[in-house]
Amino acid sequence: MGKVVNLNKFRKQKAKVEKDKRAETNRRLHGRTKAQRLLELKQQQRLDGKVEGARLSKPAEEVDS
């Protein structure tokens, strides 16, 4: 006779492996470290500051108030 297999365990194990694969794929596609996010934020703030500093006149909504 063959070995008895618990189908619930097998199904749960298979689902866990698939979930881990999906998580790894998402980490590779979307994951960034905290340091990378902070670096990008600081670069964006620096760029925004340079753009605001180079304006010749204020935007219309600031002039009206």
Protein backbone atom coordinates (compact mmCIF):
# COMPACT_ATOMS: atom_id res chain seq x y z
CA MET A 1 0.00 0.00 0.00
CA GLY A 2 1.00 3.57 -0.60
CA LYS A 3 1.73 6.20 1.98
CA VAL A 4 -1.29 8.03 3.38
CA VAL A 5 -1.18 11.77 2.61
CA ASN A 6 -3.05 14.40 4.57
CA LEU A 7 -4.55 16.51 1.77
CA ASN A 8 -5.23 19.50 4.03
CA LYS A 9 -1.54 19.73 4.98
CA PHE A 10 -0.50 19.34 1.37
CA ARG A 11 -2.90 22.08 0.21
CA LYS A 12 -1.81 24.48 2.96
CA GLN A 13 1.87 23.85 2.25
CA LYS A 14 1.33 24.49 -1.46
CA ALA A 15 -0.56 27.72 -0.74
CA LYS A 16 2.23 28.91 1.57
CA VAL A 17 4.89 28.28 -1.08
CA GLU A 18 2.88 30.21 -3.66
CA LYS A 19 2.31 33.07 -1.21
CA ASP A 20 6.04 33.23 -0.46
CA LYS A 21 6.84 33.34 -4.19
CA ARG A 22 4.34 36.16 -4.73
CA ALA A 23 5.76 38.08 -1.75
CA GLU A 24 9.30 37.74 -3.07
CA THR A 25 8.22 39.01 -6.48
CA ASN A 26 6.46 42.01 -4.91
CA ARG A 27 9.51 42.80 -2.77
CA ARG A 28 11.68 42.82 -5.87
CA LEU A 29 9.26 44.97 -7.86
CA HIS A 30 8.04 47.43 -5.23
CA GLY A 31 10.29 47.14 -2.22
CA ARG A 32 12.65 49.90 -1.19
CA THR A 33 14.56 50.28 2.02
CA LYS A 34 13.79 53.09 4.44
CA ALA A 35 17.10 54.75 3.55
CA GLN A 36 16.19 54.71 -0.15
CA ARG A 37 12.79 56.30 0.54
CA LEU A 38 14.35 59.03 2.71
CA LEU A 39 17.04 59.74 0.11
CA GLU A 40 14.41 60.10 -2.61
CA LEU A 41 12.31 62.38 -0.37
CA LYS A 42 15.28 64.66 0.37
CA GLN A 43 16.20 64.83 -3.31
CA GLN A 44 12.62 65.78 -4.19
CA GLN A 45 12.55 68.47 -1.48
CA ARG A 46 15.87 69.90 -2.71
CA LEU A 47 14.57 69.99 -6.29
CA ASP A 48 11.32 71.68 -5.19
CA GLY A 49 13.34 74.30 -3.30
CA LYS A 50 15.44 75.05 -6.36
CA VAL A 51 12.34 75.41 -8.55
CA GLU A 52 10.64 77.73 -6.03
CA GLY A 53 13.83 79.80 -5.70
CA ALA A 54 14.07 80.26 -9.45
CA ARG A 55 10.51 81.62 -9.89
CA LEU A 56 10.29 85.11 -11.31
CA SER A 57 6.81 85.77 -9.96
CA LYS A 58 4.44 84.12 -7.51
CA PRO A 59 1.62 81.87 -8.75
CA ALA A 60 -1.81 83.52 -9.22
CA GLU A 61 -3.45 81.91 -6.17
CA GLU A 62 -0.69 83.29 -3.85
CA VAL A 63 -0.96 86.81 -5.33
CA ASP A 64 -4.73 87.05 -4.68
CA SER A 65 -4.51 86.22 -0.95
